[in-house]
């Protein structure tokens, strides 16, 4: 008499499904953020700004004051909410910013470099596919 596998879910199968779902979610989130950031920054210029002040306060009122030079040589001083800046922004540090060349003072924001998320997106997509294949191979039999 041939041996039959138990129809209940095996831990390996459940683990593979959980890993596939979790990494798939991260791949979609990081991929969407990369594409969204790339589209948002189309037509924007990049510069390196020096942090002049970091004002303390709560998450809504704290801000970072910084100064940068535009591509045409104008010095611009601007302020942005601290929560939109990297956490390590201290007085004297240099940070990347993006701005609209036509109105640099009112359109400047921290450069989050969305392209840096793409390798993580690709890695999680590969793990998702491999975990999905492993889940398929370890699935319980539909008919005992």
Protein backbone atom coordinates (compact mmCIF):
# COMPACT_ATOMS: atom_id res chain seq x y z
CA UNK A 1 0.00 0.00 0.00
CA UNK A 2 1.53 3.37 -1.01
CA UNK A 3 2.26 5.89 1.70
CA UNK A 4 0.13 9.01 1.58
CA UNK A 5 1.07 12.35 2.93
CA UNK A 6 -1.02 13.96 5.62
CA UNK A 7 -3.42 16.56 4.18
CA UNK A 8 -2.75 19.02 7.01
CA UNK A 9 -0.51 21.98 6.41
CA UNK A 10 3.16 21.40 7.05
CA UNK A 11 5.28 24.05 8.76
CA UNK A 12 7.58 24.35 5.72
CA UNK A 13 4.63 25.10 3.46
CA UNK A 14 3.20 27.69 5.87
CA UNK A 15 6.62 29.33 6.27
CA UNK A 16 7.10 29.54 2.50
CA UNK A 17 3.66 31.12 2.05
CA UNK A 18 4.28 33.66 4.81
CA UNK A 19 7.73 34.58 3.41
CA UNK A 20 6.34 34.89 -0.13
CA UNK A 21 3.49 37.13 0.99
CA UNK A 22 5.68 39.32 3.21
CA UNK A 23 8.49 39.81 0.71
CA UNK A 24 5.97 40.34 -2.08
CA UNK A 25 4.38 43.13 -0.05
CA UNK A 26 7.79 44.78 0.48
CA UNK A 27 8.64 44.44 -3.22
CA UNK A 28 5.42 46.20 -4.19
CA UNK A 29 5.81 48.94 -1.56
CA UNK A 30 9.49 49.64 -2.32
CA UNK A 31 8.94 49.39 -6.08
CA UNK A 32 5.99 51.77 -5.90
CA UNK A 33 7.96 54.20 -3.74
CA UNK A 34 10.87 54.13 -6.19
CA UNK A 35 8.68 54.79 -9.20
CA UNK A 36 6.68 57.46 -7.35
CA UNK A 37 9.84 59.24 -6.19
CA UNK A 38 11.38 59.06 -9.63
CA UNK A 39 8.26 60.55 -11.27
CA UNK A 40 7.97 63.21 -8.54
CA UNK A 41 11.59 64.31 -9.10
CA UNK A 42 11.37 64.57 -12.90
CA UNK A 43 12.44 68.06 -13.92
CA UNK A 44 13.88 68.83 -10.49
CA UNK A 45 17.48 69.93 -9.98
CA UNK A 46 19.75 68.48 -7.30
CA UNK A 47 22.13 70.28 -4.98
CA UNK A 48 24.08 69.74 -1.77
CA UNK A 49 22.85 71.87 1.12
CA UNK A 50 24.54 72.72 4.41
CA UNK A 51 22.35 72.52 7.52
CA UNK A 52 22.42 75.86 9.37
CA UNK A 53 19.89 75.26 12.16
CA UNK A 54 17.91 72.39 13.59
CA UNK A 55 14.98 73.77 15.53
CA UNK A 56 13.66 71.52 18.25
CA UNK A 57 10.01 70.95 18.91
CA UNK A 58 7.43 68.30 18.37
CA UNK A 59 7.10 66.33 15.13
CA UNK A 60 4.92 69.01 13.53
CA UNK A 61 6.75 72.16 14.55
CA UNK A 62 10.43 71.14 14.41
CA UNK A 63 12.25 72.27 11.28
CA UNK A 64 15.63 72.27 9.57
CA UNK A 65 17.07 75.46 8.08
CA UNK A 66 19.61 74.93 5.32
CA UNK A 67 21.36 76.79 2.53
CA UNK A 68 22.44 75.69 -0.95
CA UNK A 69 23.64 77.11 -4.24
CA UNK A 70 21.52 76.60 -7.35
CA UNK A 71 22.93 75.59 -10.71
CA UNK A 72 22.99 79.22 -11.87
CA UNK A 73 24.92 80.36 -8.76
CA UNK A 74 22.12 81.78 -6.58
CA UNK A 75 22.37 81.11 -2.83
CA UNK A 76 19.08 79.94 -1.41
CA UNK A 77 18.13 79.65 2.24
CA UNK A 78 15.14 77.44 2.98
CA UNK A 79 13.41 75.59 5.79
CA UNK A 80 11.71 72.22 5.82
CA UNK A 81 9.90 70.19 8.46
CA UNK A 82 12.32 68.03 10.41
CA UNK A 83 10.20 64.90 9.95
CA UNK A 84 10.84 65.03 6.19
CA UNK A 85 14.62 65.11 6.69
CA UNK A 86 16.99 62.30 7.49
CA UNK A 87 17.20 61.71 11.23
CA UNK A 88 20.92 62.52 11.40
CA UNK A 89 20.61 66.10 10.14
CA UNK A 90 22.75 68.22 12.48
CA UNK A 91 24.14 71.73 12.18
CA UNK A 92 27.04 71.75 9.72
CA UNK A 93 26.19 68.47 7.96
CA UNK A 94 25.65 68.34 4.23
CA UNK A 95 22.51 66.79 2.76
CA UNK A 96 21.18 66.33 -0.74
CA UNK A 97 18.15 68.35 -1.79
CA UNK A 98 16.00 68.57 -4.90
CA UNK A 99 14.33 71.78 -6.04
CA UNK A 100 12.43 73.33 -8.90
CA UNK A 101 14.92 75.54 -10.80
CA UNK A 102 12.23 78.18 -11.43
CA UNK A 103 11.34 78.63 -7.74
CA UNK A 104 14.07 77.03 -5.65
CA UNK A 105 13.23 78.53 -2.24
CA UNK A 106 9.62 77.36 -2.16
CA UNK A 107 9.99 73.95 -3.77
CA UNK A 108 13.03 72.48 -2.04
CA UNK A 109 12.89 69.14 -0.23
CA UNK A 110 15.22 66.45 1.04
CA UNK A 111 16.55 64.16 -1.71
CA UNK A 112 15.48 60.67 -0.68
CA UNK A 113 17.17 59.07 -3.70
CA UNK A 114 14.40 56.70 -4.77
CA UNK A 115 16.79 54.75 -7.01
CA UNK A 116 18.47 53.38 -3.87
CA UNK A 117 15.32 51.34 -3.18
CA UNK A 118 15.47 49.49 -6.51
CA UNK A 119 18.09 46.87 -5.49
CA UNK A 120 16.03 46.06 -2.40
CA UNK A 121 12.91 45.82 -4.53
CA UNK A 122 14.66 43.42 -6.92
CA UNK A 123 16.01 41.30 -4.05
CA UNK A 124 12.62 40.99 -2.39
CA UNK A 125 11.00 40.14 -5.73
CA UNK A 126 13.50 37.29 -6.24
CA UNK A 127 12.89 36.01 -2.69
CA UNK A 128 9.14 36.24 -3.32
CA UNK A 129 9.37 34.11 -6.47
CA UNK A 130 11.65 31.53 -4.83
CA UNK A 131 9.42 31.31 -1.75
CA UNK A 132 6.35 30.96 -3.94
CA UNK A 133 8.01 28.13 -5.87
CA UNK A 134 8.99 26.43 -2.59
CA UNK A 135 5.43 26.81 -1.30
CA UNK A 136 4.11 25.22 -4.48
CA UNK A 137 6.54 22.30 -4.16
CA UNK A 138 5.71 21.70 -0.48
CA UNK A 139 1.96 22.22 -0.73
CA UNK A 140 -0.26 19.62 0.88
CA UNK A 141 -1.99 17.18 -1.44
CA UNK A 142 -5.44 18.31 -2.42
CA UNK A 143 -6.69 14.70 -2.56
CA UNK A 144 -5.45 12.27 0.10
